[in-house]
């Protein structure tokens, strides 16, 4: 091969590689970044069912299933990160700091509820408005998730509410931020439902589909 042909081939390869790299970078950049925060962890068990199943374990199980379904069903359409992947206690500040460092588009904290009144049931979504745009985005995300849980799974809807929680306060004022209370572990039927793996997959799928719908993907 002549020197001229070698140069032409080399230039072609360099252009092709640069285009491929740029395209790959573009693809990664357009994937929305979502941080899922499984509440509690470690020595902080959260609420518990009558037979001792802990909120921290339910929250982590559902969050892990969201990651799995994003991979298996949606080919990682979202860039998903968890604030904890194991039974460890992460400070509330570190949870929100992760979302800030990643410049997350969405932050969702997953919890289960508990009440003295053992008949209390249903899901609640909490937001902490930090700006007009953030309030609107957070409320719409919360409404979308809750509507899915009610319409698809039949879970009682207790509404979108204001909550002065640190994981909401500490987040960036530009991302949609919600805290989900998925049901009451003090209510027998909901406790049984939330501890079943099949139910957890269903909840995880509804949350994932709701995020995708919210983002218009």
C-alpha atoms as a PDB file:
ATOM      1  CA  UNK A   1       0.000   0.000   0.000  1.00  0.00           C
ATOM      2  CA  UNK A   2       1.375   3.420  -0.986  1.00  0.00           C
ATOM      3  CA  UNK A   3       2.085   6.059   1.612  1.00  0.00           C
ATOM      4  CA  UNK A   4      -0.802   8.171   0.284  1.00  0.00           C
ATOM      5  CA  UNK A   5      -3.246   5.275   0.594  1.00  0.00           C
ATOM      6  CA  UNK A   6      -2.024   4.555   4.115  1.00  0.00           C
ATOM      7  CA  UNK A   7      -2.648   8.184   5.091  1.00  0.00           C
ATOM      8  CA  UNK A   8      -6.148   8.093   3.557  1.00  0.00           C
ATOM      9  CA  UNK A   9      -6.992   4.877   5.426  1.00  0.00           C
ATOM     10  CA  UNK A  10      -5.606   6.291   8.669  1.00  0.00           C
ATOM     11  CA  UNK A  11      -7.603   9.494   8.290  1.00  0.00           C
ATOM     12  CA  UNK A  12     -10.754   7.464   7.575  1.00  0.00           C
ATOM     13  CA  UNK A  13     -10.194   5.375  10.700  1.00  0.00           C
ATOM     14  CA  UNK A  14      -9.618   8.439  12.842  1.00  0.00           C
ATOM     15  CA  UNK A  15     -12.776  10.128  11.544  1.00  0.00           C
ATOM     16  CA  UNK A  16     -14.809   6.945  12.036  1.00  0.00           C
ATOM     17  CA  UNK A  17     -13.532   6.463  15.578  1.00  0.00           C
ATOM     18  CA  UNK A  18     -14.178  10.092  16.465  1.00  0.00           C
ATOM     19  CA  UNK A  19     -17.719   9.910  15.106  1.00  0.00           C
ATOM     20  CA  UNK A  20     -18.359   6.675  16.976  1.00  0.00           C
ATOM     21  CA  UNK A  21     -16.985   8.115  20.192  1.00  0.00           C
ATOM     22  CA  UNK A  22     -19.025  11.290  19.777  1.00  0.00           C
ATOM     23  CA  UNK A  23     -22.173   9.290  19.074  1.00  0.00           C
ATOM     24  CA  UNK A  24     -21.608   7.067  22.099  1.00  0.00           C
ATOM     25  CA  UNK A  25     -21.034  10.106  24.258  1.00  0.00           C
ATOM     26  CA  UNK A  26     -24.183  11.686  22.914  1.00  0.00           C
ATOM     27  CA  UNK A  27     -26.229   8.579  23.627  1.00  0.00           C
ATOM     28  CA  UNK A  28     -24.995   8.503  27.197  1.00  0.00           C
ATOM     29  CA  UNK A  29     -25.608  12.188  27.661  1.00  0.00           C
ATOM     30  CA  UNK A  30     -29.255  12.030  26.608  1.00  0.00           C
ATOM     31  CA  UNK A  31     -30.124   9.196  28.994  1.00  0.00           C
ATOM     32  CA  UNK A  32     -31.893  10.840  31.934  1.00  0.00           C
ATOM     33  CA  UNK A  33     -30.199  10.324  35.287  1.00  0.00           C
ATOM     34  CA  UNK A  34     -32.454   8.990  38.029  1.00  0.00           C
ATOM     35  CA  UNK A  35     -31.428   8.431  41.648  1.00  0.00           C
ATOM     36  CA  UNK A  36     -33.540   5.974  43.634  1.00  0.00           C
ATOM     37  CA  UNK A  37     -33.165   6.217  47.396  1.00  0.00           C
ATOM     38  CA  UNK A  38     -34.187   3.085  49.333  1.00  0.00           C
ATOM     39  CA  UNK A  39     -35.133   4.566  52.698  1.00  0.00           C
ATOM     40  CA  UNK A  40     -33.444   3.685  55.994  1.00  0.00           C
ATOM     41  CA  UNK A  41     -30.847   0.862  56.127  1.00  0.00           C
ATOM     42  CA  UNK A  42     -28.392  -0.655  58.577  1.00  0.00           C
ATOM     43  CA  UNK A  43     -29.349   0.008  62.186  1.00  0.00           C
ATOM     44  CA  UNK A  44     -32.256   2.178  61.000  1.00  0.00           C
ATOM     45  CA  UNK A  45     -34.926  -0.414  60.184  1.00  0.00           C
ATOM     46  CA  UNK A  46     -37.785   2.013  59.665  1.00  0.00           C
ATOM     47  CA  UNK A  47     -41.285   0.626  60.121  1.00  0.00           C
ATOM     48  CA  UNK A  48     -41.884  -3.089  60.653  1.00  0.00           C
ATOM     49  CA  UNK A  49     -44.740  -5.498  60.008  1.00  0.00           C
ATOM     50  CA  UNK A  50     -46.314  -7.490  62.829  1.00  0.00           C
ATOM     51  CA  UNK A  51     -44.129 -10.460  61.915  1.00  0.00           C
ATOM     52  CA  UNK A  52     -40.938  -8.400  61.876  1.00  0.00           C
ATOM     53  CA  UNK A  53     -40.341  -7.651  58.183  1.00  0.00           C
ATOM     54  CA  UNK A  54     -38.538  -4.316  57.975  1.00  0.00           C
ATOM     55  CA  UNK A  55     -39.247  -1.260  55.864  1.00  0.00           C
ATOM     56  CA  UNK A  56     -35.547  -0.933  54.977  1.00  0.00           C
ATOM     57  CA  UNK A  57     -35.598  -4.369  53.303  1.00  0.00           C
ATOM     58  CA  UNK A  58     -38.812  -3.749  51.368  1.00  0.00           C
ATOM     59  CA  UNK A  59     -37.525  -0.393  50.096  1.00  0.00           C
ATOM     60  CA  UNK A  60     -34.215  -1.894  48.947  1.00  0.00           C
ATOM     61  CA  UNK A  61     -35.938  -4.842  47.289  1.00  0.00           C
ATOM     62  CA  UNK A  62     -38.268  -2.600  45.267  1.00  0.00           C
ATOM     63  CA  UNK A  63     -35.431  -0.221  44.315  1.00  0.00           C
ATOM     64  CA  UNK A  64     -33.275  -3.145  43.149  1.00  0.00           C
ATOM     65  CA  UNK A  65     -36.160  -4.444  41.025  1.00  0.00           C
ATOM     66  CA  UNK A  66     -36.491  -1.030  39.354  1.00  0.00           C
ATOM     67  CA  UNK A  67     -32.838  -1.301  38.297  1.00  0.00           C
ATOM     68  CA  UNK A  68     -33.353  -4.870  37.055  1.00  0.00           C
ATOM     69  CA  UNK A  69     -36.475  -4.024  35.036  1.00  0.00           C
ATOM     70  CA  UNK A  70     -34.801  -0.957  33.521  1.00  0.00           C
ATOM     71  CA  UNK A  71     -32.098  -3.297  32.230  1.00  0.00           C
ATOM     72  CA  UNK A  72     -34.208  -6.284  31.158  1.00  0.00           C
ATOM     73  CA  UNK A  73     -37.304  -4.557  29.760  1.00  0.00           C
ATOM     74  CA  UNK A  74     -36.090  -1.124  28.685  1.00  0.00           C
ATOM     75  CA  UNK A  75     -32.427  -1.764  27.777  1.00  0.00           C
ATOM     76  CA  UNK A  76     -31.228   0.784  30.354  1.00  0.00           C
ATOM     77  CA  UNK A  77     -33.277   3.635  28.954  1.00  0.00           C
ATOM     78  CA  UNK A  78     -32.527   5.459  32.203  1.00  0.00           C
ATOM     79  CA  UNK A  79     -29.197   5.964  33.945  1.00  0.00           C
ATOM     80  CA  UNK A  80     -30.241   4.570  37.315  1.00  0.00           C
ATOM     81  CA  UNK A  81     -28.312   4.900  40.561  1.00  0.00           C
ATOM     82  CA  UNK A  82     -29.248   3.758  44.065  1.00  0.00           C
ATOM     83  CA  UNK A  83     -28.154   5.613  47.186  1.00  0.00           C
ATOM     84  CA  UNK A  84     -27.491   2.207  48.755  1.00  0.00           C
ATOM     85  CA  UNK A  85     -27.183  -1.251  47.225  1.00  0.00           C
ATOM     86  CA  UNK A  86     -26.902  -3.204  50.469  1.00  0.00           C
ATOM     87  CA  UNK A  87     -28.207  -3.066  54.030  1.00  0.00           C
ATOM     88  CA  UNK A  88     -26.101  -0.092  55.071  1.00  0.00           C
ATOM     89  CA  UNK A  89     -27.030   3.190  56.720  1.00  0.00           C
ATOM     90  CA  UNK A  90     -26.266   6.148  54.462  1.00  0.00           C
ATOM     91  CA  UNK A  91     -26.596   9.639  55.903  1.00  0.00           C
ATOM     92  CA  UNK A  92     -29.422  11.766  54.529  1.00  0.00           C
ATOM     93  CA  UNK A  93     -26.880  14.363  53.447  1.00  0.00           C
ATOM     94  CA  UNK A  94     -24.892  11.821  51.448  1.00  0.00           C
ATOM     95  CA  UNK A  95     -28.055  10.643  49.701  1.00  0.00           C
ATOM     96  CA  UNK A  96     -28.862  14.105  48.399  1.00  0.00           C
ATOM     97  CA  UNK A  97     -25.200  14.855  47.721  1.00  0.00           C
ATOM     98  CA  UNK A  98     -25.080  11.888  45.333  1.00  0.00           C
ATOM     99  CA  UNK A  99     -27.987  13.324  43.356  1.00  0.00           C
ATOM    100  CA  UNK A 100     -26.277  16.710  43.196  1.00  0.00           C
ATOM    101  CA  UNK A 101     -22.955  15.267  42.033  1.00  0.00           C
ATOM    102  CA  UNK A 102     -24.667  13.205  39.353  1.00  0.00           C
ATOM    103  CA  UNK A 103     -26.829  16.191  38.363  1.00  0.00           C
ATOM    104  CA  UNK A 104     -29.814  13.879  38.551  1.00  0.00           C
ATOM    105  CA  UNK A 105     -32.963  14.737  36.646  1.00  0.00           C
ATOM    106  CA  UNK A 106     -35.089  12.829  39.166  1.00  0.00           C
ATOM    107  CA  UNK A 107     -34.717  11.806  42.807  1.00  0.00           C
ATOM    108  CA  UNK A 108     -37.168   9.320  44.339  1.00  0.00           C
ATOM    109  CA  UNK A 109     -37.001   8.193  47.960  1.00  0.00           C
ATOM    110  CA  UNK A 110     -38.870   4.933  48.650  1.00  0.00           C
ATOM    111  CA  UNK A 111     -40.531   4.261  52.001  1.00  0.00           C
ATOM    112  CA  UNK A 112     -43.350   2.381  53.713  1.00  0.00           C
ATOM    113  CA  UNK A 113     -45.688   3.972  56.222  1.00  0.00           C
ATOM    114  CA  UNK A 114     -46.856   3.111  59.714  1.00  0.00           C
ATOM    115  CA  UNK A 115     -49.658   4.444  61.902  1.00  0.00           C
ATOM    116  CA  UNK A 116     -51.245   3.891  65.303  1.00  0.00           C
ATOM    117  CA  UNK A 117     -54.553   3.591  63.453  1.00  0.00           C
ATOM    118  CA  UNK A 118     -54.199   0.106  61.952  1.00  0.00           C
ATOM    119  CA  UNK A 119     -56.940   0.788  59.411  1.00  0.00           C
ATOM    120  CA  UNK A 120     -54.912   3.558  57.713  1.00  0.00           C
ATOM    121  CA  UNK A 121     -53.961   2.484  54.191  1.00  0.00           C
ATOM    122  CA  UNK A 122     -52.797   3.727  50.820  1.00  0.00           C
ATOM    123  CA  UNK A 123     -49.942   5.561  49.169  1.00  0.00           C
ATOM    124  CA  UNK A 124     -48.792   9.099  49.875  1.00  0.00           C
ATOM    125  CA  UNK A 125     -46.404  11.230  47.838  1.00  0.00           C
ATOM    126  CA  UNK A 126     -44.490  14.078  49.445  1.00  0.00           C
ATOM    127  CA  UNK A 127     -42.764  17.014  47.793  1.00  0.00           C
ATOM    128  CA  UNK A 128     -40.864  20.015  49.152  1.00  0.00           C
ATOM    129  CA  UNK A 129     -41.075  22.838  46.595  1.00  0.00           C
ATOM    130  CA  UNK A 130     -37.835  24.804  46.255  1.00  0.00           C
ATOM    131  CA  UNK A 131     -38.832  26.786  43.177  1.00  0.00           C
ATOM    132  CA  UNK A 132     -41.912  27.200  41.026  1.00  0.00           C
ATOM    133  CA  UNK A 133     -40.534  24.962  38.287  1.00  0.00           C
ATOM    134  CA  UNK A 134     -39.273  22.347  40.748  1.00  0.00           C
ATOM    135  CA  UNK A 135     -42.623  22.298  42.534  1.00  0.00           C
ATOM    136  CA  UNK A 136     -44.508  21.793  39.290  1.00  0.00           C
ATOM    137  CA  UNK A 137     -42.162  19.043  38.089  1.00  0.00           C
ATOM    138  CA  UNK A 138     -42.154  17.233  41.427  1.00  0.00           C
ATOM    139  CA  UNK A 139     -45.929  17.392  41.787  1.00  0.00           C
ATOM    140  CA  UNK A 140     -46.438  16.059  38.274  1.00  0.00           C
ATOM    141  CA  UNK A 141     -43.969  13.214  38.830  1.00  0.00           C
ATOM    142  CA  UNK A 142     -45.654  12.334  42.122  1.00  0.00           C
ATOM    143  CA  UNK A 143     -49.103  12.481  40.551  1.00  0.00           C
ATOM    144  CA  UNK A 144     -47.997  10.274  37.645  1.00  0.00           C
ATOM    145  CA  UNK A 145     -46.541   7.605  39.937  1.00  0.00           C
ATOM    146  CA  UNK A 146     -49.497   7.647  42.287  1.00  0.00           C
ATOM    147  CA  UNK A 147     -52.018   7.464  39.453  1.00  0.00           C
ATOM    148  CA  UNK A 148     -50.213   4.387  38.129  1.00  0.00           C
ATOM    149  CA  UNK A 149     -50.226   2.710  41.536  1.00  0.00           C
ATOM    150  CA  UNK A 150     -53.946   3.403  41.886  1.00  0.00           C
ATOM    151  CA  UNK A 151     -55.160   2.735  38.339  1.00  0.00           C
ATOM    152  CA  UNK A 152     -52.997  -0.326  37.641  1.00  0.00           C
ATOM    153  CA  UNK A 153     -52.538  -1.896  41.073  1.00  0.00           C
ATOM    154  CA  UNK A 154     -55.639  -0.599  42.848  1.00  0.00           C
ATOM    155  CA  UNK A 155     -53.747   0.898  45.795  1.00  0.00           C
ATOM    156  CA  UNK A 156     -55.636   3.566  47.728  1.00  0.00           C
ATOM    157  CA  UNK A 157     -54.561   7.106  46.769  1.00  0.00           C
ATOM    158  CA  UNK A 158     -53.955   9.431  49.738  1.00  0.00           C
ATOM    159  CA  UNK A 159     -52.738  12.313  47.590  1.00  0.00           C
ATOM    160  CA  UNK A 160     -49.670  14.445  46.920  1.00  0.00           C
ATOM    161  CA  UNK A 161     -48.655  16.413  50.012  1.00  0.00           C
ATOM    162  CA  UNK A 162     -46.035  18.825  51.334  1.00  0.00           C
ATOM    163  CA  UNK A 163     -43.366  17.114  53.434  1.00  0.00           C
ATOM    164  CA  UNK A 164     -40.495  18.747  55.303  1.00  0.00           C
ATOM    165  CA  UNK A 165     -38.118  15.793  54.858  1.00  0.00           C
ATOM    166  CA  UNK A 166     -34.359  16.323  54.626  1.00  0.00           C
ATOM    167  CA  UNK A 167     -33.984  14.201  51.498  1.00  0.00           C
ATOM    168  CA  UNK A 168     -36.458  16.561  49.821  1.00  0.00           C
ATOM    169  CA  UNK A 169     -35.075  19.786  51.280  1.00  0.00           C
ATOM    170  CA  UNK A 170     -31.483  18.859  50.526  1.00  0.00           C
ATOM    171  CA  UNK A 171     -31.962  18.155  46.840  1.00  0.00           C
ATOM    172  CA  UNK A 172     -31.166  20.512  43.989  1.00  0.00           C
ATOM    173  CA  UNK A 173     -33.879  23.017  43.151  1.00  0.00           C
ATOM    174  CA  UNK A 174     -33.886  21.996  39.485  1.00  0.00           C
ATOM    175  CA  UNK A 175     -34.697  18.281  39.669  1.00  0.00           C
ATOM    176  CA  UNK A 176     -38.022  16.556  40.267  1.00  0.00           C
ATOM    177  CA  UNK A 177     -37.877  15.194  43.813  1.00  0.00           C
ATOM    178  CA  UNK A 178     -40.458  13.038  45.577  1.00  0.00           C
ATOM    179  CA  UNK A 179     -40.737  10.778  48.601  1.00  0.00           C
ATOM    180  CA  UNK A 180     -43.051   7.794  48.167  1.00  0.00           C
ATOM    181  CA  UNK A 181     -44.872   6.139  51.052  1.00  0.00           C
ATOM    182  CA  UNK A 182     -45.995   2.957  49.313  1.00  0.00           C
ATOM    183  CA  UNK A 183     -48.394   1.689  51.955  1.00  0.00           C
ATOM    184  CA  UNK A 184     -48.840   1.027  55.661  1.00  0.00           C
ATOM    185  CA  UNK A 185     -46.967  -1.855  57.261  1.00  0.00           C
ATOM    186  CA  UNK A 186     -49.297  -1.417  60.236  1.00  0.00           C
ATOM    187  CA  UNK A 187     -52.258  -2.396  58.037  1.00  0.00           C
ATOM    188  CA  UNK A 188     -52.442  -6.184  57.691  1.00  0.00           C
ATOM    189  CA  UNK A 189     -53.441  -6.463  54.025  1.00  0.00           C
ATOM    190  CA  UNK A 190     -50.960  -3.845  52.819  1.00  0.00           C
ATOM    191  CA  UNK A 191     -48.174  -5.369  54.880  1.00  0.00           C
ATOM    192  CA  UNK A 192     -48.769  -8.758  53.261  1.00  0.00           C
ATOM    193  CA  UNK A 193     -48.951  -7.176  49.809  1.00  0.00           C
ATOM    194  CA  UNK A 194     -45.765  -5.138  50.191  1.00  0.00           C
ATOM    195  CA  UNK A 195     -43.718  -8.101  51.386  1.00  0.00           C
ATOM    196  CA  UNK A 196     -44.580 -10.348  48.419  1.00  0.00           C
ATOM    197  CA  UNK A 197     -41.962 -10.462  45.676  1.00  0.00           C
ATOM    198  CA  UNK A 198     -44.619 -10.468  42.953  1.00  0.00           C
ATOM    199  CA  UNK A 199     -46.135  -7.293  44.386  1.00  0.00           C
ATOM    200  CA  UNK A 200     -42.723  -5.656  44.637  1.00  0.00           C
ATOM    201  CA  UNK A 201     -42.068  -6.352  40.957  1.00  0.00           C
ATOM    202  CA  UNK A 202     -45.457  -4.841  40.080  1.00  0.00           C
ATOM    203  CA  UNK A 203     -44.759  -1.708  42.137  1.00  0.00           C
ATOM    204  CA  UNK A 204     -41.258  -1.398  40.680  1.00  0.00           C
ATOM    205  CA  UNK A 205     -42.626  -1.653  37.135  1.00  0.00           C
ATOM    206  CA  UNK A 206     -45.296   0.973  37.750  1.00  0.00           C
ATOM    207  CA  UNK A 207     -42.715   3.371  39.214  1.00  0.00           C
ATOM    208  CA  UNK A 208     -40.369   2.765  36.280  1.00  0.00           C
ATOM    209  CA  UNK A 209     -43.115   3.215  33.674  1.00  0.00           C
ATOM    210  CA  UNK A 210     -44.288   6.361  35.443  1.00  0.00           C
ATOM    211  CA  UNK A 211     -40.778   7.847  35.322  1.00  0.00           C
ATOM    212  CA  UNK A 212     -40.546   7.082  31.605  1.00  0.00           C
ATOM    213  CA  UNK A 213     -43.985   8.625  31.019  1.00  0.00           C
ATOM    214  CA  UNK A 214     -43.049  11.703  33.038  1.00  0.00           C
ATOM    215  CA  UNK A 215     -39.905  12.163  30.959  1.00  0.00           C
ATOM    216  CA  UNK A 216     -41.830  11.695  27.697  1.00  0.00           C
ATOM    217  CA  UNK A 217     -39.592   8.877  26.496  1.00  0.00           C
END
